């Protein structure tokens, strides 16, 4: 397979918030001392509830996607470092689950314990910044898949795919990446991707996105 090349196409559509890495690392510094850590294989599902208690997951290495249980649509995906579950309160956790996108190192502790650690070390500002980022990221995704045009949705998802690490880009077809995050039909996605490739707007091999050359505003 050809080596993936990094390009920088237009990033204005569906611009995502800046990840508060400093705040996440500060939270993880304190939370990781109390969590149970395990190496988790690719495509491992993780439930937010254990023994009827909400859990938090520390993504120490690898990447994880957040799914909605009702339709298995991906609402968010993150690369390490990240913390899932700090926003999970009454009733939310049962409607969501995580799945690793590659072999990952995961830490787990209860939501109650995590809140106590945050309280003890006065980490409320970092906690708030993480929650704001997480809500903004999910909002940006929902906005990006509610465009009127199927092409605009596909364009936005291609830009997001192009920004994923090689471990993700090289192991998922552009079509499957888009379908897992939107409500578009497979036939419609394949038709537009085929046209984009034929017209030289993208370069792909066996369905894997290699480069984005230019994505027109309308198509």
N, C-alpha and C. Protein backbone atom coordinates (compact mmCIF):
# COMPACT_ATOMS: atom_id res chain seq x y z
N UNK A 1 0.84 -1.19 0.00
CA UNK A 1 0.00 0.00 0.00
C UNK A 1 0.88 1.24 0.00
N UNK A 2 0.46 2.25 -0.70
CA UNK A 2 1.23 3.49 -0.79
C UNK A 2 1.33 4.15 0.57
N UNK A 3 2.40 4.89 0.79
CA UNK A 3 2.59 5.61 2.03
C UNK A 3 1.63 6.80 2.10
N UNK A 4 0.99 6.97 3.24
CA UNK A 4 0.08 8.09 3.38
C UNK A 4 0.86 9.39 3.44
N UNK A 5 0.34 10.41 2.78
CA UNK A 5 0.97 11.72 2.77
C UNK A 5 0.10 12.70 3.54
N UNK A 6 0.72 13.62 4.20
CA UNK A 6 -0.02 14.61 4.97
C UNK A 6 -0.22 15.86 4.14
N UNK A 7 -1.46 16.24 3.96
CA UNK A 7 -1.81 17.48 3.28
C UNK A 7 -2.59 18.34 4.25
N UNK A 8 -2.80 19.58 3.90
CA UNK A 8 -3.57 20.47 4.76
C UNK A 8 -4.66 21.14 3.94
N UNK A 9 -5.78 20.44 3.71
CA UNK A 9 -6.89 21.02 2.97
C UNK A 9 -7.61 22.04 3.82
N UNK A 10 -8.65 22.62 3.25
CA UNK A 10 -9.40 23.62 3.98
C UNK A 10 -9.90 23.02 5.28
N UNK A 11 -9.70 23.75 6.40
CA UNK A 11 -10.10 23.24 7.70
C UNK A 11 -11.26 24.03 8.29
N UNK A 12 -11.84 24.92 7.50
CA UNK A 12 -12.86 25.79 8.07
C UNK A 12 -14.17 25.09 8.40
N UNK A 13 -14.53 24.06 7.62
CA UNK A 13 -15.81 23.39 7.81
C UNK A 13 -15.76 22.51 9.04
N UNK A 14 -16.69 22.72 9.97
CA UNK A 14 -16.76 21.88 11.15
C UNK A 14 -15.52 21.96 12.01
N UNK A 15 -14.97 23.15 12.19
CA UNK A 15 -13.75 23.31 12.97
C UNK A 15 -13.98 22.86 14.40
N UNK A 16 -13.07 22.04 14.91
CA UNK A 16 -13.22 21.49 16.24
C UNK A 16 -12.53 22.37 17.28
N UNK A 17 -12.99 22.30 18.54
CA UNK A 17 -12.36 23.08 19.61
C UNK A 17 -10.96 22.55 19.90
N UNK A 18 -10.14 23.42 20.50
CA UNK A 18 -8.78 23.01 20.87
C UNK A 18 -8.82 22.10 22.08
N UNK A 19 -8.12 21.00 21.99
CA UNK A 19 -8.09 20.02 23.07
C UNK A 19 -7.25 20.56 24.23
N UNK A 20 -7.80 20.59 25.45
CA UNK A 20 -7.06 21.13 26.61
C UNK A 20 -6.09 20.10 27.19
N UNK A 21 -5.03 19.83 26.45
CA UNK A 21 -4.10 18.75 26.82
C UNK A 21 -3.48 18.98 28.19
N UNK A 22 -3.12 20.22 28.50
CA UNK A 22 -2.51 20.52 29.79
C UNK A 22 -3.46 20.15 30.93
N UNK A 23 -4.73 20.51 30.80
CA UNK A 23 -5.71 20.19 31.83
C UNK A 23 -5.94 18.69 31.93
N UNK A 24 -5.99 18.02 30.79
CA UNK A 24 -6.20 16.57 30.79
C UNK A 24 -5.03 15.86 31.47
N UNK A 25 -3.81 16.29 31.16
CA UNK A 25 -2.64 15.66 31.77
C UNK A 25 -2.61 15.89 33.28
N UNK A 26 -3.04 17.07 33.73
CA UNK A 26 -3.07 17.36 35.16
C UNK A 26 -4.08 16.45 35.87
N UNK A 27 -5.25 16.30 35.26
CA UNK A 27 -6.26 15.41 35.83
C UNK A 27 -5.76 13.96 35.86
N UNK A 28 -5.15 13.53 34.78
CA UNK A 28 -4.67 12.16 34.69
C UNK A 28 -3.54 11.89 35.68
N UNK A 29 -2.73 12.89 35.94
CA UNK A 29 -1.63 12.75 36.90
C UNK A 29 -2.16 12.31 38.26
N UNK A 30 -3.30 12.86 38.67
CA UNK A 30 -3.88 12.53 39.97
C UNK A 30 -4.79 11.30 39.90
N UNK A 31 -5.58 11.19 38.85
CA UNK A 31 -6.53 10.08 38.75
C UNK A 31 -5.85 8.74 38.48
N UNK A 32 -4.75 8.76 37.74
CA UNK A 32 -4.10 7.50 37.33
C UNK A 32 -3.51 6.74 38.51
N UNK A 33 -3.24 7.43 39.60
CA UNK A 33 -2.66 6.74 40.77
C UNK A 33 -3.68 5.85 41.46
N UNK A 34 -4.97 6.08 41.21
CA UNK A 34 -6.03 5.33 41.89
C UNK A 34 -6.81 4.40 40.96
N UNK A 35 -6.44 4.35 39.69
CA UNK A 35 -7.23 3.56 38.74
C UNK A 35 -6.59 2.19 38.47
N UNK A 36 -7.41 1.27 38.00
CA UNK A 36 -6.94 -0.03 37.55
C UNK A 36 -6.61 0.07 36.07
N UNK A 37 -5.39 -0.30 35.69
CA UNK A 37 -4.94 -0.15 34.31
C UNK A 37 -4.86 -1.51 33.62
N UNK A 38 -5.21 -1.52 32.33
CA UNK A 38 -5.12 -2.77 31.58
C UNK A 38 -4.89 -2.48 30.10
N UNK A 39 -4.13 -3.36 29.44
CA UNK A 39 -3.96 -3.30 28.00
C UNK A 39 -5.19 -3.90 27.35
N UNK A 40 -5.80 -3.16 26.45
CA UNK A 40 -7.07 -3.56 25.85
C UNK A 40 -6.92 -3.70 24.36
N UNK A 41 -7.41 -4.80 23.81
CA UNK A 41 -7.28 -5.06 22.38
C UNK A 41 -8.21 -4.17 21.57
N UNK A 42 -7.91 -4.07 20.28
CA UNK A 42 -8.73 -3.31 19.33
C UNK A 42 -10.15 -3.85 19.31
N UNK A 43 -11.12 -2.94 19.19
CA UNK A 43 -12.56 -3.23 19.11
C UNK A 43 -13.12 -3.79 20.41
N UNK A 44 -12.50 -3.51 21.52
CA UNK A 44 -13.03 -3.92 22.81
C UNK A 44 -14.06 -2.90 23.28
N UNK A 45 -15.27 -3.36 23.62
CA UNK A 45 -16.32 -2.48 24.10
C UNK A 45 -16.20 -2.29 25.61
N UNK A 46 -16.44 -1.05 26.05
CA UNK A 46 -16.33 -0.71 27.46
C UNK A 46 -17.62 -0.03 27.90
N UNK A 47 -18.25 -0.57 28.93
CA UNK A 47 -19.50 -0.01 29.44
C UNK A 47 -19.22 0.95 30.59
N UNK A 48 -19.99 2.03 30.65
CA UNK A 48 -19.77 3.05 31.66
C UNK A 48 -20.31 2.66 33.03
N UNK A 49 -21.10 1.60 33.09
CA UNK A 49 -21.69 1.20 34.37
C UNK A 49 -21.13 -0.16 34.80
N UNK A 50 -20.63 -0.22 36.02
CA UNK A 50 -20.14 -1.46 36.62
C UNK A 50 -20.68 -1.54 38.03
N UNK A 51 -21.33 -2.64 38.34
CA UNK A 51 -21.95 -2.81 39.66
C UNK A 51 -22.85 -1.63 39.99
N UNK A 52 -23.62 -1.20 38.98
CA UNK A 52 -24.60 -0.12 39.11
C UNK A 52 -23.96 1.22 39.51
N UNK A 53 -22.70 1.41 39.15
CA UNK A 53 -22.01 2.67 39.44
C UNK A 53 -21.31 3.17 38.18
N UNK A 54 -21.42 4.47 37.92
CA UNK A 54 -20.78 5.07 36.76
C UNK A 54 -19.26 4.99 36.88
N UNK A 55 -18.61 4.70 35.74
CA UNK A 55 -17.16 4.55 35.70
C UNK A 55 -16.53 5.64 34.81
N UNK A 56 -15.28 5.95 35.11
CA UNK A 56 -14.48 6.84 34.27
C UNK A 56 -13.35 6.02 33.64
N UNK A 57 -13.01 6.38 32.41
CA UNK A 57 -11.95 5.67 31.70
C UNK A 57 -10.85 6.67 31.30
N UNK A 58 -9.63 6.35 31.69
CA UNK A 58 -8.47 7.16 31.34
C UNK A 58 -7.79 6.51 30.12
N UNK A 59 -7.76 7.24 29.03
CA UNK A 59 -7.10 6.75 27.82
C UNK A 59 -5.63 7.15 27.89
N UNK A 60 -4.79 6.20 28.32
CA UNK A 60 -3.38 6.46 28.53
C UNK A 60 -2.56 6.26 27.26
N UNK A 61 -3.04 5.37 26.40
CA UNK A 61 -2.37 5.10 25.14
C UNK A 61 -3.38 4.53 24.16
N UNK A 62 -3.32 4.97 22.89
CA UNK A 62 -4.23 4.45 21.88
C UNK A 62 -5.33 5.42 21.52
N UNK A 63 -6.47 4.89 21.07
CA UNK A 63 -7.60 5.73 20.66
C UNK A 63 -8.90 4.99 20.91
N UNK A 64 -9.94 5.75 21.21
CA UNK A 64 -11.24 5.20 21.61
C UNK A 64 -12.34 6.03 20.97
N UNK A 65 -13.44 5.38 20.60
CA UNK A 65 -14.61 6.07 20.06
C UNK A 65 -15.77 5.93 21.03
N UNK A 66 -16.58 7.00 21.11
CA UNK A 66 -17.78 7.02 21.94
C UNK A 66 -19.00 6.76 21.07
N UNK A 67 -19.76 5.72 21.40
CA UNK A 67 -20.92 5.30 20.62
C UNK A 67 -22.22 5.57 21.37
N UNK A 68 -23.27 5.84 20.60
CA UNK A 68 -24.61 5.91 21.16
C UNK A 68 -25.22 4.52 21.07
N UNK A 69 -25.73 4.01 22.16
CA UNK A 69 -26.21 2.62 22.21
C UNK A 69 -27.38 2.35 21.29
N UNK A 70 -28.28 3.31 21.12
CA UNK A 70 -29.51 3.09 20.37
C UNK A 70 -29.28 2.78 18.90
N UNK A 71 -28.24 3.37 18.29
CA UNK A 71 -28.01 3.17 16.86
C UNK A 71 -26.55 2.95 16.49
N UNK A 72 -25.67 2.86 17.49
CA UNK A 72 -24.23 2.62 17.29
C UNK A 72 -23.57 3.68 16.41
N UNK A 73 -24.08 4.90 16.45
CA UNK A 73 -23.45 6.02 15.77
C UNK A 73 -22.32 6.55 16.66
N UNK A 74 -21.16 6.86 16.05
CA UNK A 74 -20.05 7.43 16.79
C UNK A 74 -20.30 8.92 17.02
N UNK A 75 -20.30 9.32 18.28
CA UNK A 75 -20.50 10.72 18.65
C UNK A 75 -19.18 11.47 18.80
N UNK A 76 -18.13 10.74 19.15
CA UNK A 76 -16.83 11.38 19.37
C UNK A 76 -15.76 10.30 19.32
N UNK A 77 -14.57 10.68 18.94
CA UNK A 77 -13.42 9.78 19.02
C UNK A 77 -12.22 10.59 19.49
N UNK A 78 -11.37 9.98 20.31
CA UNK A 78 -10.25 10.68 20.90
C UNK A 78 -9.01 9.81 20.91
N UNK A 79 -7.87 10.47 20.78
CA UNK A 79 -6.58 9.82 20.95
C UNK A 79 -6.04 10.18 22.32
N UNK A 80 -5.17 9.32 22.86
CA UNK A 80 -4.57 9.58 24.16
C UNK A 80 -3.76 10.88 24.12
N UNK A 81 -3.77 11.65 25.21
CA UNK A 81 -4.46 11.38 26.47
C UNK A 81 -5.89 11.91 26.46
N UNK A 82 -6.77 11.21 27.14
CA UNK A 82 -8.14 11.70 27.29
C UNK A 82 -8.81 10.97 28.44
N UNK A 83 -9.90 11.56 28.94
CA UNK A 83 -10.67 10.96 30.02
C UNK A 83 -12.14 10.95 29.62
N UNK A 84 -12.73 9.78 29.61
CA UNK A 84 -14.17 9.63 29.35
C UNK A 84 -14.90 9.35 30.65
N UNK A 85 -16.09 9.89 30.77
CA UNK A 85 -16.95 9.53 31.89
C UNK A 85 -17.06 10.56 32.99
N UNK A 86 -16.27 11.63 32.94
CA UNK A 86 -16.35 12.64 34.00
C UNK A 86 -17.63 13.47 33.90
N UNK A 87 -18.30 13.40 32.77
CA UNK A 87 -19.57 14.11 32.62
C UNK A 87 -20.77 13.20 32.82
N UNK A 88 -20.51 11.93 33.14
CA UNK A 88 -21.60 10.97 33.27
C UNK A 88 -22.29 11.08 34.62
N UNK A 89 -23.52 11.55 34.59
CA UNK A 89 -24.32 11.59 35.80
C UNK A 89 -25.69 11.02 35.46
N UNK A 90 -26.61 11.11 36.37
CA UNK A 90 -27.90 10.41 36.32
C UNK A 90 -28.37 10.01 34.93
N UNK A 91 -28.39 8.72 34.65
CA UNK A 91 -29.03 8.18 33.45
C UNK A 91 -28.28 8.30 32.15
N UNK A 92 -27.20 9.09 32.08
CA UNK A 92 -26.52 9.30 30.81
C UNK A 92 -25.74 8.07 30.39
N UNK A 93 -25.05 7.44 31.32
CA UNK A 93 -24.10 6.37 31.00
C UNK A 93 -24.74 5.18 30.29
N UNK A 94 -25.98 4.86 30.63
CA UNK A 94 -26.59 3.66 30.05
C UNK A 94 -26.88 3.82 28.56
N UNK A 95 -26.83 5.03 28.04
CA UNK A 95 -27.12 5.25 26.62
C UNK A 95 -25.85 5.35 25.76
N UNK A 96 -24.69 5.20 26.38
CA UNK A 96 -23.43 5.36 25.68
C UNK A 96 -22.48 4.22 26.02
N UNK A 97 -21.56 3.94 25.11
CA UNK A 97 -20.49 3.00 25.41
C UNK A 97 -19.25 3.36 24.59
N UNK A 98 -18.12 2.83 25.01
CA UNK A 98 -16.85 3.08 24.33
C UNK A 98 -16.40 1.85 23.58
N UNK A 99 -15.60 2.05 22.53
CA UNK A 99 -14.95 0.93 21.83
C UNK A 99 -13.57 1.38 21.38
N UNK A 100 -12.57 0.58 21.71
CA UNK A 100 -11.21 0.92 21.32
C UNK A 100 -11.04 0.80 19.81
N UNK A 101 -10.31 1.74 19.21
CA UNK A 101 -10.06 1.72 17.77
C UNK A 101 -8.73 1.05 17.43
N UNK A 102 -7.93 0.80 18.44
CA UNK A 102 -6.66 0.10 18.30
C UNK A 102 -6.29 -0.44 19.68
N UNK A 103 -5.26 -1.25 19.76
CA UNK A 103 -4.81 -1.72 21.07
C UNK A 103 -4.49 -0.51 21.94
N UNK A 104 -5.05 -0.46 23.14
CA UNK A 104 -4.96 0.75 23.97
C UNK A 104 -4.68 0.39 25.42
N UNK A 105 -4.10 1.36 26.13
CA UNK A 105 -3.89 1.23 27.57
C UNK A 105 -4.96 2.07 28.25
N UNK A 106 -5.82 1.41 29.03
CA UNK A 106 -6.97 2.05 29.64
C UNK A 106 -6.89 1.95 31.16
N UNK A 107 -7.21 3.05 31.84
CA UNK A 107 -7.35 3.04 33.29
C UNK A 107 -8.81 3.25 33.65
N UNK A 108 -9.28 2.59 34.70
CA UNK A 108 -10.69 2.71 35.08
C UNK A 108 -10.81 2.97 36.58
N UNK A 109 -11.69 3.89 36.93
CA UNK A 109 -12.04 4.12 38.33
C UNK A 109 -13.46 4.65 38.37
N UNK A 110 -14.09 4.57 39.54
CA UNK A 110 -15.48 4.99 39.64
C UNK A 110 -15.59 6.51 39.53
N UNK A 111 -16.75 6.95 39.06
CA UNK A 111 -17.02 8.38 38.97
C UNK A 111 -16.96 9.02 40.35
N UNK A 112 -17.45 8.31 41.36
CA UNK A 112 -17.42 8.83 42.73
C UNK A 112 -16.00 9.07 43.21
N UNK A 113 -15.10 8.10 42.95
CA UNK A 113 -13.70 8.25 43.36
C UNK A 113 -13.03 9.39 42.59
N UNK A 114 -13.34 9.49 41.30
CA UNK A 114 -12.75 10.55 40.49
C UNK A 114 -13.16 11.92 41.00
N UNK A 115 -14.43 12.09 41.32
CA UNK A 115 -14.90 13.37 41.86
C UNK A 115 -14.23 13.70 43.18
N UNK A 116 -14.01 12.70 44.01
CA UNK A 116 -13.37 12.92 45.31
C UNK A 116 -11.92 13.38 45.12
N UNK A 117 -11.22 12.78 44.16
CA UNK A 117 -9.84 13.18 43.88
C UNK A 117 -9.80 14.61 43.36
N UNK A 118 -10.72 14.94 42.48
CA UNK A 118 -10.80 16.30 41.93
C UNK A 118 -11.07 17.30 43.05
N UNK A 119 -11.94 16.93 43.97
CA UNK A 119 -12.26 17.81 45.10
C UNK A 119 -11.04 17.98 46.03
N UNK A 120 -10.37 16.88 46.32
CA UNK A 120 -9.22 16.92 47.24
C UNK A 120 -8.10 17.79 46.72
N UNK A 121 -7.85 17.72 45.41
CA UNK A 121 -6.72 18.44 44.82
C UNK A 121 -7.15 19.74 44.13
N UNK A 122 -8.41 20.12 44.32
CA UNK A 122 -8.93 21.38 43.77
C UNK A 122 -8.66 21.50 42.27
N UNK A 123 -9.12 20.48 41.53
CA UNK A 123 -8.89 20.42 40.09
C UNK A 123 -10.12 20.86 39.30
N UNK A 124 -10.95 21.71 39.90
CA UNK A 124 -12.23 22.05 39.28
C UNK A 124 -12.06 22.81 37.95
N UNK A 125 -11.04 23.66 37.87
CA UNK A 125 -10.86 24.41 36.61
C UNK A 125 -10.51 23.47 35.46
N UNK A 126 -9.60 22.53 35.71
CA UNK A 126 -9.24 21.56 34.67
C UNK A 126 -10.43 20.67 34.33
N UNK A 127 -11.18 20.30 35.36
CA UNK A 127 -12.39 19.49 35.17
C UNK A 127 -13.38 20.23 34.27
N UNK A 128 -13.61 21.51 34.56
CA UNK A 128 -14.55 22.30 33.76
C UNK A 128 -14.07 22.45 32.32
N UNK A 129 -12.78 22.67 32.13
CA UNK A 129 -12.23 22.82 30.77
C UNK A 129 -12.39 21.54 29.96
N UNK A 130 -12.23 20.39 30.61
CA UNK A 130 -12.43 19.12 29.91
C UNK A 130 -13.89 18.94 29.52
N UNK A 131 -14.81 19.26 30.42
CA UNK A 131 -16.24 19.12 30.13
C UNK A 131 -16.67 20.06 29.00
N UNK A 132 -16.15 21.28 29.02
CA UNK A 132 -16.47 22.24 27.96
C UNK A 132 -15.98 21.74 26.61
N UNK A 133 -14.75 21.22 26.58
CA UNK A 133 -14.20 20.68 25.34
C UNK A 133 -15.03 19.50 24.84
N UNK A 134 -15.38 18.60 25.75
CA UNK A 134 -16.13 17.41 25.35
C UNK A 134 -17.49 17.77 24.78
N UNK A 135 -18.19 18.70 25.45
CA UNK A 135 -19.50 19.13 24.95
C UNK A 135 -19.38 19.84 23.61
N UNK A 136 -18.34 20.66 23.46
CA UNK A 136 -18.13 21.39 22.21
C UNK A 136 -17.79 20.44 21.07
N UNK A 137 -17.02 19.40 21.38
CA UNK A 137 -16.62 18.43 20.35
C UNK A 137 -17.84 17.67 19.84
N UNK A 138 -18.69 17.23 20.75
CA UNK A 138 -19.89 16.49 20.35
C UNK A 138 -20.85 17.40 19.59
N UNK A 139 -20.98 18.65 20.05
CA UNK A 139 -21.84 19.61 19.35
C UNK A 139 -21.34 19.84 17.93
N UNK A 140 -20.03 20.00 17.77
CA UNK A 140 -19.46 20.23 16.44
C UNK A 140 -19.74 19.04 15.53
N UNK A 141 -19.66 17.83 16.09
CA UNK A 141 -19.94 16.64 15.28
C UNK A 141 -21.41 16.59 14.87
N UNK A 142 -22.31 16.83 15.82
CA UNK A 142 -23.74 16.81 15.50
C UNK A 142 -24.09 17.86 14.46
N UNK A 143 -23.46 19.03 14.56
CA UNK A 143 -23.69 20.08 13.59
C UNK A 143 -23.20 19.67 12.21
N UNK A 144 -22.06 18.97 12.19
CA UNK A 144 -21.45 18.60 10.91
C UNK A 144 -22.25 17.55 10.15
N UNK A 145 -23.08 16.76 10.87
CA UNK A 145 -23.86 15.73 10.17
C UNK A 145 -25.31 16.16 9.98
N UNK A 146 -25.62 17.42 10.29
CA UNK A 146 -26.99 17.90 10.09
C UNK A 146 -27.07 18.91 8.96
N UNK A 147 -26.03 18.95 8.11
CA UNK A 147 -26.06 19.82 6.93
C UNK A 147 -27.11 19.31 5.96
N UNK A 148 -27.61 20.20 5.11
CA UNK A 148 -28.64 19.81 4.14
C UNK A 148 -28.06 18.95 3.02
N UNK A 149 -26.82 19.18 2.68
CA UNK A 149 -26.21 18.49 1.55
C UNK A 149 -25.42 17.26 2.00
N UNK A 150 -25.67 16.14 1.34
CA UNK A 150 -24.90 14.92 1.62
C UNK A 150 -23.42 15.14 1.34
N UNK A 151 -23.13 15.89 0.29
CA UNK A 151 -21.73 16.16 -0.05
C UNK A 151 -21.04 16.93 1.06
N UNK A 152 -21.72 17.95 1.63
CA UNK A 152 -21.12 18.74 2.71
C UNK A 152 -20.79 17.87 3.92
N UNK A 153 -21.68 16.92 4.22
CA UNK A 153 -21.42 16.00 5.33
C UNK A 153 -20.20 15.14 5.03
N UNK A 154 -20.14 14.60 3.81
CA UNK A 154 -19.02 13.74 3.42
C UNK A 154 -17.72 14.52 3.40
N UNK A 155 -17.78 15.75 2.90
CA UNK A 155 -16.59 16.59 2.87
C UNK A 155 -16.04 16.80 4.28
N UNK A 156 -16.92 17.12 5.20
CA UNK A 156 -16.50 17.36 6.58
C UNK A 156 -15.90 16.11 7.20
N UNK A 157 -16.50 14.96 6.93
CA UNK A 157 -15.99 13.71 7.50
C UNK A 157 -14.64 13.33 6.89
N UNK A 158 -14.44 13.62 5.62
CA UNK A 158 -13.15 13.35 4.99
C UNK A 158 -12.04 14.19 5.61
N UNK A 159 -12.36 15.46 5.90
CA UNK A 159 -11.38 16.32 6.55
C UNK A 159 -11.04 15.78 7.94
N UNK A 160 -12.06 15.30 8.67
CA UNK A 160 -11.80 14.72 9.98
C UNK A 160 -10.96 13.45 9.86
N UNK A 161 -11.27 12.61 8.89
CA UNK A 161 -10.50 11.38 8.68
C UNK A 161 -9.06 11.71 8.35
N UNK A 162 -8.85 12.73 7.54
CA UNK A 162 -7.49 13.12 7.17
C UNK A 162 -6.69 13.58 8.38
N UNK A 163 -7.37 14.04 9.42
CA UNK A 163 -6.69 14.48 10.64
C UNK A 163 -6.45 13.38 11.65
N UNK A 164 -6.94 12.17 11.37
CA UNK A 164 -6.73 11.06 12.30
C UNK A 164 -5.27 10.57 12.22
N UNK A 165 -4.78 9.93 13.27
CA UNK A 165 -3.42 9.36 13.23
C UNK A 165 -3.35 8.21 12.22
N UNK A 166 -2.15 7.91 11.70
CA UNK A 166 -2.00 6.83 10.71
C UNK A 166 -2.58 5.49 11.16
N UNK A 167 -2.51 5.20 12.47
CA UNK A 167 -3.03 3.93 12.98
C UNK A 167 -4.52 3.79 12.73
N UNK A 168 -5.23 4.91 12.61
CA UNK A 168 -6.66 4.88 12.29
C UNK A 168 -6.87 4.95 10.78
N UNK A 169 -6.22 5.91 10.13
CA UNK A 169 -6.44 6.13 8.68
C UNK A 169 -6.10 4.90 7.85
N UNK A 170 -5.08 4.18 8.24
CA UNK A 170 -4.64 3.04 7.43
C UNK A 170 -5.48 1.79 7.65
N UNK A 171 -6.39 1.84 8.63
CA UNK A 171 -7.12 0.62 8.98
C UNK A 171 -8.64 0.75 8.88
N UNK A 172 -9.11 1.79 8.20
CA UNK A 172 -10.54 1.93 7.97
C UNK A 172 -10.75 2.59 6.62
N UNK A 173 -11.71 2.09 5.86
CA UNK A 173 -12.01 2.73 4.58
C UNK A 173 -12.72 4.05 4.83
N UNK A 174 -12.59 4.95 3.89
CA UNK A 174 -13.26 6.24 4.00
C UNK A 174 -14.78 6.04 4.13
N UNK A 175 -15.32 5.09 3.38
CA UNK A 175 -16.77 4.85 3.42
C UNK A 175 -17.21 4.40 4.80
N UNK A 176 -16.50 3.44 5.39
CA UNK A 176 -16.88 2.94 6.71
C UNK A 176 -16.72 4.00 7.79
N UNK A 177 -15.70 4.84 7.65
CA UNK A 177 -15.50 5.92 8.61
C UNK A 177 -16.70 6.87 8.58
N UNK A 178 -17.13 7.23 7.38
CA UNK A 178 -18.26 8.15 7.23
C UNK A 178 -19.56 7.51 7.71
N UNK A 179 -19.79 6.25 7.34
CA UNK A 179 -21.04 5.58 7.68
C UNK A 179 -21.17 5.38 9.19
N UNK A 180 -20.06 5.21 9.89
CA UNK A 180 -20.12 5.00 11.34
C UNK A 180 -20.43 6.27 12.11
N UNK A 181 -20.38 7.41 11.42
CA UNK A 181 -20.57 8.70 12.08
C UNK A 181 -21.75 9.49 11.54
N UNK A 182 -22.46 8.97 10.56
CA UNK A 182 -23.56 9.71 9.94
C UNK A 182 -24.73 8.77 9.68
N UNK A 183 -25.82 9.34 9.17
CA UNK A 183 -26.99 8.54 8.82
C UNK A 183 -27.13 8.40 7.30
N UNK A 184 -26.08 8.66 6.56
CA UNK A 184 -26.12 8.55 5.11
C UNK A 184 -26.16 7.10 4.67
N UNK A 185 -26.70 6.87 3.47
CA UNK A 185 -26.76 5.51 2.93
C UNK A 185 -25.42 5.12 2.34
N UNK A 186 -25.13 3.82 2.36
CA UNK A 186 -23.85 3.35 1.80
C UNK A 186 -23.77 3.67 0.31
N UNK A 187 -24.87 3.47 -0.41
CA UNK A 187 -24.83 3.71 -1.86
C UNK A 187 -24.53 5.18 -2.16
N UNK A 188 -25.13 6.09 -1.38
CA UNK A 188 -24.89 7.51 -1.61
C UNK A 188 -23.46 7.91 -1.29
N UNK A 189 -22.92 7.37 -0.20
CA UNK A 189 -21.54 7.67 0.17
C UNK A 189 -20.57 7.14 -0.88
N UNK A 190 -20.79 5.91 -1.31
CA UNK A 190 -19.89 5.31 -2.31
C UNK A 190 -19.94 6.07 -3.62
N UNK A 191 -21.11 6.54 -4.00
CA UNK A 191 -21.25 7.27 -5.27
C UNK A 191 -20.44 8.57 -5.23
N UNK A 192 -20.55 9.31 -4.13
CA UNK A 192 -19.83 10.58 -4.03
C UNK A 192 -18.33 10.36 -3.90
N UNK A 193 -17.92 9.36 -3.13
CA UNK A 193 -16.49 9.07 -3.00
C UNK A 193 -15.89 8.65 -4.34
N UNK A 194 -16.63 7.86 -5.11
CA UNK A 194 -16.15 7.42 -6.42
C UNK A 194 -15.96 8.61 -7.35
N UNK A 195 -16.90 9.57 -7.31
CA UNK A 195 -16.78 10.77 -8.16
C UNK A 195 -15.61 11.63 -7.73
N UNK A 196 -15.43 11.79 -6.42
CA UNK A 196 -14.31 12.59 -5.91
C UNK A 196 -12.97 11.98 -6.34
N UNK A 197 -12.88 10.67 -6.28
CA UNK A 197 -11.65 9.99 -6.68
C UNK A 197 -11.43 10.11 -8.19
N UNK A 198 -12.49 9.89 -8.97
CA UNK A 198 -12.38 9.95 -10.42
C UNK A 198 -11.99 11.35 -10.91
N UNK A 199 -12.46 12.37 -10.21
CA UNK A 199 -12.16 13.75 -10.60
C UNK A 199 -10.86 14.27 -9.99
N UNK A 200 -10.16 13.42 -9.26
CA UNK A 200 -8.87 13.80 -8.71
C UNK A 200 -8.91 14.64 -7.45
N UNK A 201 -10.08 14.74 -6.82
CA UNK A 201 -10.19 15.54 -5.60
C UNK A 201 -9.59 14.83 -4.39
N UNK A 202 -9.64 13.49 -4.41
CA UNK A 202 -9.01 12.70 -3.35
C UNK A 202 -8.22 11.57 -4.01
N UNK A 203 -7.26 11.05 -3.26
CA UNK A 203 -6.52 9.86 -3.69
C UNK A 203 -6.80 8.77 -2.67
N UNK A 204 -7.22 7.61 -3.18
CA UNK A 204 -7.55 6.49 -2.30
C UNK A 204 -7.09 5.19 -2.93
N UNK A 205 -6.80 4.22 -2.08
CA UNK A 205 -6.39 2.90 -2.55
C UNK A 205 -7.10 1.85 -1.73
N UNK A 206 -7.85 0.96 -2.41
CA UNK A 206 -8.66 -0.05 -1.73
C UNK A 206 -9.60 0.57 -0.69
N UNK A 207 -10.07 1.76 -1.00
CA UNK A 207 -11.00 2.45 -0.13
C UNK A 207 -10.36 3.27 0.97
N UNK A 208 -9.03 3.12 1.17
CA UNK A 208 -8.32 3.85 2.21
C UNK A 208 -7.94 5.24 1.68
N UNK A 209 -8.27 6.28 2.41
CA UNK A 209 -7.94 7.64 2.01
C UNK A 209 -6.44 7.86 2.15
N UNK A 210 -5.79 8.28 1.06
CA UNK A 210 -4.36 8.57 1.08
C UNK A 210 -4.10 10.07 1.19
N UNK A 211 -4.75 10.84 0.33
CA UNK A 211 -4.58 12.29 0.37
C UNK A 211 -5.88 12.98 -0.02
N UNK A 212 -6.03 14.20 0.47
CA UNK A 212 -7.08 15.10 -0.02
C UNK A 212 -6.37 16.15 -0.85
N UNK A 213 -6.70 16.21 -2.13
CA UNK A 213 -6.05 17.15 -3.04
C UNK A 213 -6.78 18.49 -3.04
N UNK A 214 -8.09 18.44 -3.22
CA UNK A 214 -8.91 19.65 -3.15
C UNK A 214 -10.37 19.23 -3.10
N UNK A 215 -11.08 19.75 -2.11
CA UNK A 215 -12.51 19.45 -1.99
C UNK A 215 -13.29 20.73 -2.31
N UNK A 216 -14.00 20.74 -3.42
CA UNK A 216 -14.75 21.95 -3.81
C UNK A 216 -15.87 22.25 -2.81
N UNK A 217 -16.30 23.51 -2.77
CA UNK A 217 -17.36 23.92 -1.87
C UNK A 217 -18.67 23.23 -2.20
N UNK A 218 -18.95 23.10 -3.49
CA UNK A 218 -20.18 22.43 -3.95
C UNK A 218 -19.79 21.31 -4.91
N UNK A 219 -20.65 20.27 -4.94
CA UNK A 219 -20.32 19.15 -5.82
C UNK A 219 -21.61 18.45 -6.25
